[in-house]
Amino acid sequence: MDIDKRIQFPLGRSFILRKELGQGACGRTVLLHDDVIDEYFVCKKYSPMFIEWKEVLYKGFVGEIKLLYSLHHLNVVRVFNYMLYPEKFSGFIFMEYVEGVDVEVYLTEHPENINEVFLQVVDA
C-alpha cells in the first residue's frame, strides 16, 4: 500500500558541543555528542563566509548533501541526517565522526605513504 502523507517529527533534540572542528568557505563544522546513545558526530552548518554568497551557494550545499547520501564507501563519511531551511538559505548536515589526524599533518610525518593516501582518495 502506497501512502503519500507527510509525517512531522517533533523537534527539541539537543546535543553537547564538544569542540569546533573547522571553518570553510561555506560552513562551520563542530563535534557534537549525543548523550542519549553515547555517540559523537559532526555537524556542518551552512554558513558562507560572505553573506552575499548565502543564496548563490545554497544550491551547492543541497547538492553536497545529495552526493554524500548517494555514496557508500569506506573512505567517505556517512551522512546521518540533515535539516534544510530553504526560505532562509540555511541548513545543517549531521555526519559520521572519524577520529584521526589532518591528512596534511599525517603526510608531513609520513611522506613515504603519500602514494597510498593518493590511491585511497582516488578510490573514494
N, C-alpha and C. Protein backbone atom coordinates (compact mmCIF):
# COMPACT_ATOMS: atom_id res chain seq x y z
N MET A 1 0.84 -1.18 0.00
CA MET A 1 0.00 0.00 0.00
C MET A 1 0.89 1.24 0.00
N ASP A 2 0.73 2.09 -1.00
CA ASP A 2 1.47 3.34 -1.09
C ASP A 2 0.66 4.45 -0.45
N ILE A 3 1.33 5.23 0.38
CA ILE A 3 0.68 6.35 1.05
C ILE A 3 1.54 7.58 0.84
N ASP A 4 0.94 8.66 0.42
CA ASP A 4 1.66 9.93 0.28
C ASP A 4 1.16 10.87 1.36
N LYS A 5 1.73 10.75 2.53
CA LYS A 5 1.33 11.59 3.65
C LYS A 5 2.60 12.09 4.33
N ARG A 6 2.69 13.38 4.52
CA ARG A 6 3.86 13.96 5.19
C ARG A 6 3.74 13.72 6.69
N ILE A 7 4.82 13.23 7.27
CA ILE A 7 4.86 12.97 8.71
C ILE A 7 5.79 13.98 9.35
N GLN A 8 5.32 14.74 10.29
CA GLN A 8 6.12 15.72 11.02
C GLN A 8 6.65 15.08 12.29
N PHE A 9 7.96 15.19 12.50
CA PHE A 9 8.56 14.71 13.73
C PHE A 9 8.81 15.90 14.64
N PRO A 10 8.60 15.72 15.92
CA PRO A 10 8.83 16.86 16.83
C PRO A 10 10.31 17.19 16.95
N LEU A 11 10.59 18.47 17.02
CA LEU A 11 11.96 18.92 17.24
C LEU A 11 12.22 18.97 18.73
N GLY A 12 13.37 19.38 19.10
CA GLY A 12 13.65 19.53 20.52
C GLY A 12 14.83 18.71 21.00
N ARG A 13 15.48 17.96 20.10
CA ARG A 13 16.68 17.23 20.50
C ARG A 13 17.78 18.23 20.79
N SER A 14 18.61 17.88 21.72
CA SER A 14 19.77 18.72 22.00
C SER A 14 21.01 17.83 22.08
N PHE A 15 22.15 18.44 21.81
CA PHE A 15 23.41 17.72 21.79
C PHE A 15 24.43 18.54 22.54
N ILE A 16 25.50 17.91 22.95
CA ILE A 16 26.55 18.59 23.69
C ILE A 16 27.66 18.99 22.71
N LEU A 17 27.95 20.28 22.65
CA LEU A 17 29.03 20.79 21.80
C LEU A 17 30.35 20.46 22.47
N ARG A 18 31.17 19.65 21.79
CA ARG A 18 32.47 19.26 22.35
C ARG A 18 33.59 20.17 21.89
N LYS A 19 33.62 20.48 20.58
CA LYS A 19 34.66 21.39 20.09
C LYS A 19 34.36 21.81 18.66
N GLU A 20 34.96 22.92 18.27
CA GLU A 20 34.88 23.39 16.90
C GLU A 20 35.94 22.64 16.10
N LEU A 21 35.57 22.20 14.90
CA LEU A 21 36.50 21.43 14.08
C LEU A 21 37.08 22.25 12.95
N GLY A 22 36.33 23.20 12.43
CA GLY A 22 36.87 23.99 11.34
C GLY A 22 35.84 24.86 10.68
N GLN A 23 36.34 25.72 9.81
CA GLN A 23 35.50 26.65 9.05
C GLN A 23 36.01 26.64 7.62
N GLY A 24 35.09 26.46 6.69
CA GLY A 24 35.44 26.55 5.27
C GLY A 24 34.70 27.70 4.65
N ALA A 25 34.77 27.80 3.34
CA ALA A 25 34.12 28.90 2.62
C ALA A 25 32.61 28.88 2.78
N CYS A 26 32.04 27.69 2.96
CA CYS A 26 30.57 27.59 3.00
C CYS A 26 30.02 27.05 4.30
N GLY A 27 30.85 26.79 5.28
CA GLY A 27 30.28 26.26 6.50
C GLY A 27 31.26 26.11 7.63
N ARG A 28 30.68 25.87 8.78
CA ARG A 28 31.44 25.67 10.01
C ARG A 28 31.10 24.28 10.52
N THR A 29 32.10 23.52 10.97
CA THR A 29 31.85 22.18 11.49
C THR A 29 32.21 22.12 12.97
N VAL A 30 31.39 21.36 13.69
CA VAL A 30 31.60 21.17 15.12
C VAL A 30 31.44 19.69 15.46
N LEU A 31 32.07 19.29 16.54
CA LEU A 31 31.91 17.94 17.07
C LEU A 31 30.84 17.98 18.14
N LEU A 32 29.82 17.13 17.97
CA LEU A 32 28.72 17.06 18.93
C LEU A 32 28.68 15.68 19.57
N HIS A 33 28.15 15.63 20.78
CA HIS A 33 27.95 14.35 21.47
C HIS A 33 26.47 14.17 21.73
N ASP A 34 25.98 13.00 21.37
CA ASP A 34 24.59 12.63 21.65
C ASP A 34 24.62 11.78 22.92
N ASP A 35 24.22 12.35 24.04
CA ASP A 35 24.31 11.63 25.31
C ASP A 35 23.22 10.57 25.47
N VAL A 36 22.21 10.57 24.60
CA VAL A 36 21.17 9.54 24.65
C VAL A 36 21.73 8.20 24.16
N ILE A 37 22.48 8.23 23.04
CA ILE A 37 23.05 6.99 22.50
C ILE A 37 24.57 6.92 22.71
N ASP A 38 25.13 7.91 23.39
CA ASP A 38 26.56 7.98 23.70
C ASP A 38 27.43 7.85 22.45
N GLU A 39 27.16 8.71 21.47
CA GLU A 39 27.91 8.71 20.22
C GLU A 39 28.30 10.14 19.84
N TYR A 40 29.40 10.25 19.12
CA TYR A 40 29.86 11.53 18.59
C TYR A 40 29.52 11.62 17.11
N PHE A 41 29.28 12.82 16.65
CA PHE A 41 29.12 13.05 15.23
C PHE A 41 29.47 14.49 14.91
N VAL A 42 29.62 14.75 13.62
CA VAL A 42 30.00 16.08 13.14
C VAL A 42 28.76 16.76 12.58
N CYS A 43 28.63 18.03 12.89
CA CYS A 43 27.55 18.83 12.33
C CYS A 43 28.18 19.96 11.54
N LYS A 44 27.78 20.05 10.27
CA LYS A 44 28.24 21.16 9.43
C LYS A 44 27.06 22.10 9.23
N LYS A 45 27.26 23.33 9.63
CA LYS A 45 26.23 24.36 9.44
C LYS A 45 26.57 25.15 8.18
N TYR A 46 25.57 25.25 7.30
CA TYR A 46 25.77 26.06 6.11
C TYR A 46 25.85 27.52 6.54
N SER A 47 27.01 28.11 6.36
CA SER A 47 27.25 29.47 6.83
C SER A 47 28.39 30.08 6.02
N PRO A 48 28.09 30.56 4.80
CA PRO A 48 29.15 31.12 3.96
C PRO A 48 29.88 32.28 4.65
N MET A 49 31.16 32.41 4.33
CA MET A 49 31.97 33.47 4.92
C MET A 49 31.43 34.86 4.59
N PHE A 50 30.88 35.00 3.40
CA PHE A 50 30.35 36.29 2.98
C PHE A 50 28.84 36.18 2.79
N ILE A 51 28.08 37.01 3.47
CA ILE A 51 26.62 36.94 3.45
C ILE A 51 26.06 37.04 2.03
N GLU A 52 26.74 37.76 1.15
CA GLU A 52 26.25 37.89 -0.22
C GLU A 52 26.34 36.57 -1.00
N TRP A 53 27.07 35.59 -0.50
CA TRP A 53 27.17 34.27 -1.13
C TRP A 53 26.07 33.33 -0.68
N LYS A 54 25.38 33.68 0.38
CA LYS A 54 24.44 32.77 1.02
C LYS A 54 23.43 32.16 0.05
N GLU A 55 22.76 32.97 -0.72
CA GLU A 55 21.74 32.48 -1.64
C GLU A 55 22.37 31.75 -2.83
N VAL A 56 23.44 32.29 -3.35
CA VAL A 56 24.09 31.73 -4.54
C VAL A 56 24.64 30.32 -4.28
N LEU A 57 25.28 30.11 -3.13
CA LEU A 57 25.94 28.84 -2.84
C LEU A 57 25.03 27.80 -2.19
N TYR A 58 23.81 28.18 -1.83
CA TYR A 58 22.89 27.27 -1.14
C TYR A 58 22.61 26.02 -1.96
N LYS A 59 22.43 26.18 -3.26
CA LYS A 59 22.16 25.04 -4.14
C LYS A 59 23.30 24.02 -4.07
N GLY A 60 24.53 24.50 -3.98
CA GLY A 60 25.69 23.63 -3.86
C GLY A 60 25.69 22.86 -2.55
N PHE A 61 25.24 23.50 -1.47
CA PHE A 61 25.14 22.84 -0.17
C PHE A 61 24.13 21.69 -0.24
N VAL A 62 23.00 21.94 -0.86
CA VAL A 62 21.98 20.89 -1.03
C VAL A 62 22.56 19.77 -1.91
N GLY A 63 23.30 20.14 -2.94
CA GLY A 63 23.94 19.14 -3.80
C GLY A 63 24.95 18.29 -3.05
N GLU A 64 25.67 18.91 -2.11
CA GLU A 64 26.64 18.17 -1.29
C GLU A 64 25.92 17.10 -0.47
N ILE A 65 24.78 17.46 0.10
CA ILE A 65 24.00 16.50 0.88
C ILE A 65 23.56 15.34 -0.01
N LYS A 66 23.02 15.66 -1.18
CA LYS A 66 22.55 14.61 -2.10
C LYS A 66 23.70 13.69 -2.51
N LEU A 67 24.85 14.28 -2.82
CA LEU A 67 26.00 13.48 -3.23
C LEU A 67 26.46 12.56 -2.10
N LEU A 68 26.62 13.11 -0.89
CA LEU A 68 27.07 12.29 0.23
C LEU A 68 26.07 11.18 0.56
N TYR A 69 24.78 11.46 0.41
CA TYR A 69 23.76 10.43 0.65
C TYR A 69 23.90 9.29 -0.35
N SER A 70 24.30 9.60 -1.57
CA SER A 70 24.36 8.57 -2.61
C SER A 70 25.64 7.74 -2.55
N LEU A 71 26.66 8.21 -1.83
CA LEU A 71 27.93 7.50 -1.76
C LEU A 71 27.96 6.54 -0.58
N HIS A 72 28.49 5.37 -0.85
CA HIS A 72 28.67 4.36 0.20
C HIS A 72 30.06 3.77 0.01
N HIS A 73 31.02 4.33 0.72
CA HIS A 73 32.41 3.92 0.56
C HIS A 73 33.13 4.06 1.89
N LEU A 74 34.04 3.14 2.16
CA LEU A 74 34.79 3.14 3.40
C LEU A 74 35.53 4.45 3.64
N ASN A 75 35.97 5.13 2.57
CA ASN A 75 36.76 6.35 2.70
C ASN A 75 35.95 7.63 2.60
N VAL A 76 34.63 7.52 2.67
CA VAL A 76 33.76 8.69 2.61
C VAL A 76 32.85 8.67 3.84
N VAL A 77 32.79 9.79 4.56
CA VAL A 77 31.96 9.82 5.76
C VAL A 77 30.48 9.63 5.39
N ARG A 78 29.75 9.01 6.31
CA ARG A 78 28.32 8.80 6.11
C ARG A 78 27.55 10.01 6.60
N VAL A 79 26.47 10.31 5.92
CA VAL A 79 25.54 11.34 6.37
C VAL A 79 24.44 10.65 7.14
N PHE A 80 24.20 11.10 8.37
CA PHE A 80 23.14 10.51 9.18
C PHE A 80 21.82 11.24 8.99
N ASN A 81 21.89 12.54 8.86
CA ASN A 81 20.67 13.32 8.75
C ASN A 81 21.02 14.72 8.25
N TYR A 82 20.01 15.47 7.96
CA TYR A 82 20.19 16.85 7.54
C TYR A 82 18.93 17.63 7.87
N MET A 83 19.07 18.93 7.94
CA MET A 83 17.94 19.84 8.09
C MET A 83 18.17 20.98 7.12
N LEU A 84 17.17 21.28 6.31
CA LEU A 84 17.27 22.38 5.36
C LEU A 84 16.15 23.39 5.61
N TYR A 85 16.49 24.64 5.47
CA TYR A 85 15.55 25.74 5.63
C TYR A 85 15.68 26.64 4.41
N PRO A 86 15.08 26.20 3.27
CA PRO A 86 15.26 26.93 2.01
C PRO A 86 14.81 28.39 2.06
N GLU A 87 13.80 28.68 2.84
CA GLU A 87 13.31 30.06 2.92
C GLU A 87 14.34 31.00 3.56
N LYS A 88 15.28 30.41 4.32
CA LYS A 88 16.33 31.20 4.97
C LYS A 88 17.71 30.93 4.36
N PHE A 89 17.75 30.06 3.34
CA PHE A 89 19.02 29.63 2.75
C PHE A 89 19.97 29.18 3.86
N SER A 90 19.48 28.23 4.66
CA SER A 90 20.21 27.76 5.82
C SER A 90 20.05 26.25 5.94
N GLY A 91 20.95 25.61 6.67
CA GLY A 91 20.81 24.18 6.88
C GLY A 91 21.97 23.57 7.63
N PHE A 92 21.82 22.28 7.93
CA PHE A 92 22.79 21.52 8.69
C PHE A 92 22.93 20.13 8.09
N ILE A 93 24.13 19.56 8.15
CA ILE A 93 24.37 18.16 7.80
C ILE A 93 24.94 17.49 9.05
N PHE A 94 24.39 16.34 9.40
CA PHE A 94 24.90 15.56 10.53
C PHE A 94 25.62 14.34 9.95
N MET A 95 26.93 14.25 10.23
CA MET A 95 27.77 13.23 9.61
C MET A 95 28.52 12.40 10.64
N GLU A 96 28.99 11.29 10.15
CA GLU A 96 29.83 10.38 10.93
C GLU A 96 31.09 11.12 11.38
N TYR A 97 31.51 10.84 12.62
CA TYR A 97 32.77 11.39 13.13
C TYR A 97 33.83 10.30 13.02
N VAL A 98 34.92 10.63 12.35
CA VAL A 98 36.03 9.70 12.19
C VAL A 98 37.22 10.30 12.92
N GLU A 99 37.71 9.60 13.92
CA GLU A 99 38.84 10.10 14.68
C GLU A 99 40.12 9.91 13.86
N GLY A 100 40.98 10.88 13.89
CA GLY A 100 42.23 10.78 13.15
C GLY A 100 42.95 12.11 13.15
N VAL A 101 43.92 12.22 12.26
CA VAL A 101 44.68 13.46 12.13
C VAL A 101 44.43 14.05 10.76
N ASP A 102 44.68 15.32 10.64
CA ASP A 102 44.58 16.02 9.37
C ASP A 102 45.52 15.36 8.37
N VAL A 103 45.06 15.16 7.14
CA VAL A 103 45.86 14.46 6.14
C VAL A 103 47.18 15.18 5.87
N GLU A 104 47.18 16.51 5.91
CA GLU A 104 48.42 17.26 5.69
C GLU A 104 49.42 16.99 6.81
N VAL A 105 48.94 16.92 8.04
CA VAL A 105 49.82 16.61 9.17
C VAL A 105 50.35 15.18 9.03
N TYR A 106 49.45 14.26 8.70
CA TYR A 106 49.85 12.85 8.54
C TYR A 106 50.95 12.71 7.49
N LEU A 107 50.75 13.36 6.32
CA LEU A 107 51.74 13.22 5.25
C LEU A 107 53.05 13.92 5.56
N THR A 108 53.01 14.97 6.36
CA THR A 108 54.25 15.62 6.79
C THR A 108 55.06 14.67 7.67
N GLU A 109 54.35 13.91 8.52
CA GLU A 109 55.02 12.96 9.41
C GLU A 109 55.36 11.64 8.73
N HIS A 110 54.61 11.30 7.67
CA HIS A 110 54.80 10.01 6.98
C HIS A 110 54.80 10.21 5.46
N PRO A 111 55.78 10.95 4.94
CA PRO A 111 55.79 11.25 3.50
C PRO A 111 55.89 9.98 2.64
N GLU A 112 56.41 8.91 3.20
CA GLU A 112 56.54 7.66 2.45
C GLU A 112 55.18 7.04 2.10
N ASN A 113 54.10 7.52 2.73
CA ASN A 113 52.76 6.97 2.49
C ASN A 113 51.92 7.80 1.52
N ILE A 114 52.55 8.77 0.87
CA ILE A 114 51.77 9.66 0.00
C ILE A 114 51.07 8.91 -1.14
N ASN A 115 51.72 7.91 -1.71
CA ASN A 115 51.08 7.17 -2.80
C ASN A 115 49.87 6.39 -2.30
N GLU A 116 49.97 5.80 -1.14
CA GLU A 116 48.84 5.04 -0.58
C GLU A 116 47.67 5.97 -0.26
N VAL A 117 47.95 7.12 0.31
CA VAL A 117 46.88 8.10 0.59
C VAL A 117 46.25 8.56 -0.71
N PHE A 118 47.05 8.84 -1.71
CA PHE A 118 46.53 9.26 -3.01
C PHE A 118 45.60 8.20 -3.59
N LEU A 119 46.02 6.95 -3.54
CA LEU A 119 45.18 5.86 -4.07
C LEU A 119 43.86 5.73 -3.31
N GLN A 120 43.90 5.93 -1.99
CA GLN A 120 42.66 5.86 -1.21
C GLN A 120 41.71 7.00 -1.57
N VAL A 121 42.26 8.18 -1.80
CA VAL A 121 41.42 9.34 -2.19
C VAL A 121 40.81 9.08 -3.56
N VAL A 122 41.59 8.62 -4.50
CA VAL A 122 41.09 8.34 -5.84
C VAL A 122 40.03 7.24 -5.79
N ASP A 123 40.24 6.22 -4.99
CA ASP A 123 39.29 5.12 -4.85
C ASP A 123 37.95 5.61 -4.29
N ALA A 124 38.04 6.55 -3.35
CA ALA A 124 36.81 7.09 -2.75
C ALA A 124 36.03 7.88 -3.77
